Amino acid sequence: MLQIILIFALSFENKWTELVQKAEKTVVHIVSLKKNNENPWTNNHSEGSGFMFKIEGSVITNHHIVADSDQIIVSSENGTVFSAELIGSDPILDIAILKIPTQFWQKPLEFRNLKNKKLLPGEEVMAIGNPFGLSSSVSKGIISAVDRFLDTKNHLKWGLIQTDVATNPGNSGGPMFDSQGHLIGMTSGKLAGEVENINFAIPIDKIIYWSEKILENKAIHPMIGLEIKEDYINQDIDSMKKIIKITNMSQSAKKLIQKNDIILAIDGNPVNSKNKAFEIVDNLDYPNTIELLIFRYGVGELRISLNLKPRALDDRYL
């Protein structure tokens, strides 16, 4: 019995090493150069990772790596160095599509369909990247949570995968894949400060959806113009219920919405979390209208239609 367990453990270990050997061929190191106007003899630069995407000759990475770059240099796993061209990007999701010479492009890993096979906390995952320029660095961990909402100092983020996979500067933009070798997302960042092993990845289904919008020049994230918070109300004597309460609103919504209105549903979808609310709105096309079912104290339930507005990177509204 012990021998069988050992053989199984070894075969599983070998499976991961085989996956790494296959995956690392699709990972690239990216250096983004920006001219220094104060000193023309020097360049500012940022480094990160990227991986082969489904369109022939394309690489996907994080927007923040290549933003405002004058030149993008890419090096592959075998050391080949070549230039890349920025096709388009989405700063809100933080993805960018690069075009590289087709002779250096490799067929990407298979993408996991996250709607048919949902990610589950506890699943083992692996990331490959170039932290501090150390090419093809591999780290492994588990999914800690899914559908994470982040309210950072500068931006709001939603629908993220949280993992305990070790990541460092330079890992951003690299692929994360499951035990079957299927791509599940892109490493995007980590919490800074006195925290350990709290890292985040952008799900691959979001990357596919918004990359198509980028190529169609339609990557506009919509918003309603409401500030919201999660709160709790008494459901009965022994329990409480989580709700979404409106705390403020844009000028255009003030005629129809009041502070402390409770959002019960968005376009017919019940909501009780900020992440769910942002996901529903973000998946709508722009321009469009949206229907809110709200509860107002002293009035009861109301149905209100509002026009969607385009979201800017620093907007904090739903």
Protein backbone atom coordinates (compact mmCIF):
# COMPACT_ATOMS: atom_id res chain seq x y z
CA MET A 1 0.00 0.00 0.00
CA LEU A 2 2.81 2.40 0.93
CA GLN A 3 4.54 1.63 -2.37
CA ILE A 4 1.38 2.52 -4.31
CA ILE A 5 1.08 5.86 -2.47
CA LEU A 6 4.73 6.67 -3.18
CA ILE A 7 4.35 5.84 -6.87
CA PHE A 8 1.24 8.02 -7.07
CA ALA A 9 3.01 10.93 -5.33
CA LEU A 10 6.02 10.65 -7.65
CA SER A 11 3.83 10.50 -10.75
CA PHE A 12 1.96 13.62 -9.61
CA GLU A 13 5.27 15.43 -9.05
CA ASN A 14 6.46 14.37 -12.50
CA LYS A 15 3.19 15.69 -13.91
CA TRP A 16 3.93 19.19 -12.59
CA THR A 17 7.48 19.17 -13.98
CA GLU A 18 6.15 18.07 -17.38
CA LEU A 19 3.61 20.88 -17.29
CA VAL A 20 6.32 23.42 -16.48
CA GLN A 21 8.51 22.25 -19.37
CA LYS A 22 5.55 22.70 -21.71
CA ALA A 23 4.33 26.00 -20.25
CA GLU A 24 7.64 27.85 -19.98
CA LYS A 25 7.99 27.84 -23.78
CA THR A 26 4.95 30.13 -23.93
CA VAL A 27 6.21 32.62 -21.30
CA VAL A 28 8.19 35.74 -22.17
CA HIS A 29 10.17 38.38 -20.30
CA ILE A 30 9.07 41.94 -21.10
CA VAL A 31 11.10 45.13 -20.71
CA SER A 32 9.28 48.40 -21.32
CA LEU A 33 11.53 51.38 -22.05
CA LYS A 34 10.54 55.01 -21.67
CA LYS A 35 12.76 57.92 -22.63
CA ASN A 36 14.01 60.13 -19.85
CA ASN A 37 13.49 63.70 -21.11
CA GLU A 38 15.69 65.13 -18.35
CA ASN A 39 18.60 62.89 -19.28
CA PRO A 40 18.49 61.62 -22.88
CA TRP A 41 21.34 59.16 -22.16
CA THR A 42 19.23 57.12 -19.76
CA ASN A 43 15.92 55.29 -19.96
CA ASN A 44 13.27 54.58 -17.38
CA HIS A 45 12.12 51.02 -17.63
CA SER A 46 9.72 48.50 -16.12
CA GLU A 47 9.92 44.72 -16.30
CA GLY A 48 7.38 41.98 -16.19
CA SER A 49 6.15 38.81 -17.82
CA GLY A 50 3.72 37.84 -20.53
CA PHE A 51 2.49 34.76 -22.34
CA MET A 52 1.46 33.66 -25.79
CA PHE A 53 -2.17 34.42 -26.55
CA LYS A 54 -4.74 32.79 -28.82
CA ILE A 55 -4.25 35.17 -31.78
CA GLU A 56 -1.23 34.18 -33.87
CA GLY A 57 1.65 36.57 -33.23
CA SER A 58 0.16 37.96 -30.00
CA VAL A 59 1.34 38.11 -26.40
CA ILE A 60 -0.76 39.22 -23.44
CA THR A 61 0.58 41.02 -20.37
CA ASN A 62 -0.39 43.63 -17.78
CA HIS A 63 -1.18 47.15 -18.92
CA HIS A 64 0.87 48.71 -16.11
CA ILE A 65 4.04 47.06 -17.45
CA VAL A 66 3.87 48.64 -20.92
CA ALA A 67 1.91 51.84 -20.25
CA ASP A 68 3.47 54.92 -21.89
CA SER A 69 6.40 52.91 -23.24
CA ASP A 70 8.52 54.11 -26.15
CA GLN A 71 9.92 50.67 -26.87
CA ILE A 72 8.95 47.15 -25.78
CA ILE A 73 11.60 44.43 -25.79
CA VAL A 74 10.61 40.79 -25.41
CA SER A 75 12.82 37.79 -24.72
CA SER A 76 11.64 34.22 -25.00
CA GLU A 77 12.50 31.19 -22.89
CA ASN A 78 15.36 30.20 -25.22
CA GLY A 79 16.97 33.66 -25.01
CA THR A 80 15.77 35.08 -28.33
CA VAL A 81 15.22 38.84 -28.09
CA PHE A 82 12.85 40.82 -30.32
CA SER A 83 10.73 43.97 -30.34
CA ALA A 84 6.97 44.05 -29.74
CA GLU A 85 4.25 46.49 -30.72
CA LEU A 86 1.38 47.48 -28.45
CA ILE A 87 -1.90 46.62 -30.20
CA GLY A 88 -4.18 47.87 -27.44
CA SER A 89 -4.80 47.78 -23.72
CA ASP A 90 -7.39 48.02 -20.99
CA PRO A 91 -6.04 49.91 -17.96
CA ILE A 92 -9.08 49.11 -15.80
CA LEU A 93 -8.71 45.33 -16.11
CA ASP A 94 -4.94 45.87 -16.45
CA ILE A 95 -4.29 43.86 -19.61
CA ALA A 96 -2.42 44.71 -22.81
CA ILE A 97 -2.07 42.87 -26.14
CA LEU A 98 1.31 42.92 -27.87
CA LYS A 99 2.19 41.94 -31.43
CA ILE A 100 5.42 39.98 -31.93
CA PRO A 101 7.06 38.51 -35.05
CA THR A 102 5.07 35.38 -35.93
CA GLN A 103 8.21 33.23 -36.22
CA PHE A 104 8.74 33.65 -32.46
CA TRP A 105 5.14 32.94 -31.51
CA GLN A 106 4.26 29.63 -29.85
CA LYS A 107 0.87 28.02 -29.56
CA PRO A 108 -0.48 28.96 -26.10
CA LEU A 109 -1.58 26.62 -23.37
CA GLU A 110 -5.19 25.50 -23.49
CA PHE A 111 -7.55 27.90 -21.73
CA ARG A 112 -9.76 26.54 -18.98
CA ASN A 113 -13.45 27.30 -19.39
CA LEU A 114 -14.17 28.80 -15.98
CA LYS A 115 -17.93 28.77 -16.52
CA ASN A 116 -18.03 25.03 -17.15
CA LYS A 117 -15.33 24.18 -14.60
CA LYS A 118 -15.32 26.73 -11.81
CA LEU A 119 -12.23 27.44 -9.76
CA LEU A 120 -12.41 26.15 -6.21
CA PRO A 121 -10.49 27.23 -3.11
CA GLY A 122 -7.85 24.63 -2.31
CA GLU A 123 -7.04 23.80 -5.94
CA GLU A 124 -3.34 23.61 -6.66
CA VAL A 125 -2.07 26.14 -9.18
CA MET A 126 1.30 27.17 -10.57
CA ALA A 127 2.70 30.45 -11.88
CA ILE A 128 5.65 31.14 -14.18
CA GLY A 129 7.28 34.53 -14.51
CA ASN A 130 10.43 36.59 -14.41
CA PRO A 131 10.72 38.07 -10.89
CA PHE A 132 13.64 40.51 -10.68
CA GLY A 133 14.63 39.37 -14.20
CA LEU A 134 15.10 35.73 -13.12
CA SER A 135 13.64 34.07 -16.18
CA SER A 136 11.23 31.12 -16.08
CA SER A 137 10.87 31.16 -12.30
CA VAL A 138 8.18 28.74 -11.12
CA SER A 139 6.12 28.91 -7.94
CA LYS A 140 3.25 26.73 -6.77
CA GLY A 141 0.42 27.15 -4.29
CA ILE A 142 -3.33 26.97 -3.97
CA ILE A 143 -6.35 29.08 -4.75
CA SER A 144 -7.26 30.88 -1.54
CA ALA A 145 -10.51 32.45 -2.76
CA VAL A 146 -12.34 33.51 -5.91
CA ASP A 147 -14.41 36.58 -6.84
CA ARG A 148 -12.32 38.91 -4.71
CA PHE A 149 -13.18 42.63 -4.57
CA LEU A 150 -10.30 45.01 -3.82
CA ASP A 151 -10.66 48.62 -2.74
CA THR A 152 -7.12 49.95 -3.01
CA LYS A 153 -5.86 53.48 -2.57
CA ASN A 154 -5.86 54.16 -6.32
CA HIS A 155 -8.29 51.72 -7.96
CA LEU A 156 -11.18 49.36 -7.50
CA LYS A 157 -10.76 45.77 -8.69
CA TRP A 158 -13.31 42.98 -8.78
CA GLY A 159 -13.66 39.34 -9.81
CA LEU A 160 -10.04 38.47 -8.93
CA ILE A 161 -8.56 35.10 -8.03
CA GLN A 162 -6.72 35.14 -4.69
CA THR A 163 -3.84 32.69 -4.27
CA ASP A 164 -0.93 32.02 -1.93
CA VAL A 165 1.45 31.49 -4.86
CA ALA A 166 4.70 33.36 -4.18
CA THR A 167 5.02 36.35 -6.52
CA ASN A 168 7.47 39.24 -6.71
CA PRO A 169 8.10 42.27 -8.95
CA GLY A 170 8.49 40.89 -12.47
CA ASN A 171 5.90 38.12 -12.03
CA SER A 172 3.12 40.46 -13.15
CA GLY A 173 1.70 39.50 -16.54
CA GLY A 174 2.78 35.88 -16.32
CA PRO A 175 0.46 32.89 -16.65
CA MET A 176 -1.15 30.88 -13.89
CA PHE A 177 -2.32 27.38 -14.70
CA ASP A 178 -3.99 24.41 -13.03
CA SER A 179 -2.86 20.83 -12.50
CA GLN A 180 -4.08 19.89 -15.99
CA GLY A 181 -1.89 22.55 -17.59
CA HIS A 182 -4.84 24.75 -18.48
CA LEU A 183 -4.48 28.52 -18.22
CA ILE A 184 -6.70 29.95 -15.50
CA GLY A 185 -5.43 33.51 -15.27
CA MET A 186 -2.71 36.13 -15.29
CA THR A 187 -0.64 37.12 -12.26
CA SER A 188 -1.43 40.77 -11.56
CA GLY A 189 -0.19 41.83 -8.13
CA LYS A 190 -0.04 41.30 -4.40
CA LEU A 191 -0.92 43.09 -1.20
CA ALA A 192 1.98 45.12 0.15
CA GLY A 193 2.89 45.74 3.77
CA GLU A 194 2.90 43.35 6.69
CA VAL A 195 1.13 40.54 4.81
CA GLU A 196 2.28 37.25 3.38
CA ASN A 197 1.06 35.12 0.51
CA ILE A 198 -1.90 37.26 -0.55
CA ASN A 199 -1.59 37.50 -4.30
CA PHE A 200 -4.08 38.07 -7.09
CA ALA A 201 -4.66 36.94 -10.65
CA ILE A 202 -7.05 38.06 -13.40
CA PRO A 203 -9.30 35.15 -14.52
CA ILE A 204 -8.70 33.95 -18.06
CA ASP A 205 -12.36 34.33 -19.07
CA LYS A 206 -12.18 38.06 -18.28
CA ILE A 207 -8.96 38.34 -20.29
CA ILE A 208 -10.56 36.66 -23.32
CA TYR A 209 -13.75 38.76 -23.11
CA TRP A 210 -11.99 42.11 -22.78
CA SER A 211 -9.23 41.30 -25.27
CA GLU A 212 -11.94 40.88 -27.91
CA LYS A 213 -13.34 44.27 -26.87
CA ILE A 214 -9.85 45.80 -27.18
CA LEU A 215 -9.45 44.47 -30.72
CA GLU A 216 -12.89 45.84 -31.65
CA ASN A 217 -11.96 49.18 -30.03
CA LYS A 218 -14.92 48.75 -27.67
CA ALA A 219 -13.16 48.23 -24.33
CA ILE A 220 -15.41 50.60 -22.38
CA HIS A 221 -16.24 49.53 -18.83
CA PRO A 222 -19.68 50.83 -17.85
CA MET A 223 -20.79 52.20 -14.48
CA ILE A 224 -24.01 53.52 -12.94
CA GLY A 225 -22.58 56.28 -10.77
CA LEU A 226 -23.38 54.98 -7.27
CA GLU A 227 -21.18 54.64 -4.21
CA ILE A 228 -22.16 51.50 -2.33
CA LYS A 229 -21.18 49.58 0.76
CA GLU A 230 -21.97 46.16 2.20
CA ASP A 231 -24.10 46.36 5.33
CA TYR A 232 -26.28 44.13 7.48
CA ILE A 233 -29.90 44.32 8.56
CA ASN A 234 -31.88 42.17 10.97
CA GLN A 235 -33.59 39.38 9.06
CA ASP A 236 -35.34 38.04 12.15
CA ILE A 237 -34.65 37.78 15.87
CA ASP A 238 -31.75 35.35 15.46
CA SER A 239 -30.11 36.28 12.16
CA MET A 240 -28.91 39.12 9.97
CA LYS A 241 -28.84 39.59 6.22
CA LYS A 242 -26.08 41.17 4.13
CA ILE A 243 -27.27 43.98 1.86
CA ILE A 244 -25.90 46.57 -0.57
CA LYS A 245 -26.62 50.11 0.59
CA ILE A 246 -26.17 53.28 -1.49
CA THR A 247 -24.06 55.87 0.33
CA ASN A 248 -23.66 58.49 -2.41
CA MET A 249 -24.29 59.01 -6.08
CA SER A 250 -23.24 61.04 -9.10
CA GLN A 251 -25.10 64.22 -9.99
CA SER A 252 -27.01 62.50 -12.80
CA ALA A 253 -28.43 59.85 -10.44
CA LYS A 254 -29.54 62.21 -7.64
CA LYS A 255 -33.02 62.79 -9.09
CA LEU A 256 -33.87 59.10 -8.86
CA ILE A 257 -31.67 57.64 -6.12
CA GLN A 258 -31.44 58.53 -2.44
CA LYS A 259 -28.81 57.79 0.19
CA ASN A 260 -29.53 54.62 2.17
CA ASP A 261 -31.55 53.07 -0.66
CA ILE A 262 -30.89 49.33 -0.67
CA ILE A 263 -30.14 47.59 -3.98
CA LEU A 264 -32.05 44.31 -4.15
CA ALA A 265 -31.36 43.41 -7.78
CA ILE A 266 -29.60 44.69 -10.89
CA ASP A 267 -31.26 43.82 -14.20
CA GLY A 268 -33.15 41.05 -12.42
CA ASN A 269 -30.06 39.59 -10.73
CA PRO A 270 -30.23 39.55 -6.91
CA VAL A 271 -27.15 41.12 -5.28
CA ASN A 272 -25.75 41.09 -1.76
CA SER A 273 -22.05 41.74 -2.39
CA LYS A 274 -20.05 44.54 -3.98
CA ASN A 275 -18.22 42.04 -6.17
CA LYS A 276 -21.47 40.63 -7.61
CA ALA A 277 -22.82 44.14 -8.24
CA PHE A 278 -19.67 45.27 -10.06
CA GLU A 279 -19.52 42.05 -12.10
CA ILE A 280 -23.10 42.44 -13.33
CA VAL A 281 -22.59 46.05 -14.39
CA ASP A 282 -19.17 45.39 -15.92
CA ASN A 283 -20.55 42.66 -18.18
CA LEU A 284 -23.05 45.02 -19.81
CA ASP A 285 -22.37 46.64 -23.15
CA TYR A 286 -22.01 50.38 -23.37
CA PRO A 287 -24.06 52.45 -24.16
CA ASN A 288 -26.99 50.86 -22.38
CA THR A 289 -29.60 51.32 -19.66
CA ILE A 290 -29.89 49.32 -16.48
CA GLU A 291 -32.81 48.56 -14.16
CA LEU A 292 -32.37 48.62 -10.39
CA LEU A 293 -34.79 47.08 -7.93
CA ILE A 294 -34.31 49.06 -4.74
CA PHE A 295 -35.91 49.22 -1.32
CA ARG A 296 -36.49 52.67 0.15
CA TYR A 297 -37.45 53.07 3.79
CA GLY A 298 -40.99 54.41 4.16
CA VAL A 299 -41.78 53.70 0.49
CA GLY A 300 -41.01 50.06 -0.25
CA GLU A 301 -39.68 48.52 -3.46
CA LEU A 302 -39.03 50.67 -6.52
CA ARG A 303 -37.85 49.89 -10.05
CA ILE A 304 -35.56 52.55 -11.48
CA SER A 305 -33.92 52.76 -14.92
CA LEU A 306 -30.60 54.56 -15.28
CA ASN A 307 -28.28 55.20 -18.20
CA LEU A 308 -24.83 53.66 -17.97
CA LYS A 309 -21.77 55.89 -18.15
CA PRO A 310 -18.20 55.07 -19.20
CA ARG A 311 -15.86 54.27 -16.32
CA ALA A 312 -12.51 56.02 -15.85
CA LEU A 313 -9.57 54.29 -14.17
CA ASP A 314 -9.91 56.29 -10.95
CA ASP A 315 -13.72 56.11 -10.69
CA ARG A 316 -14.93 54.55 -7.45
CA TYR A 317 -18.60 54.32 -8.41
CA LEU A 318 -20.55 51.16 -9.16
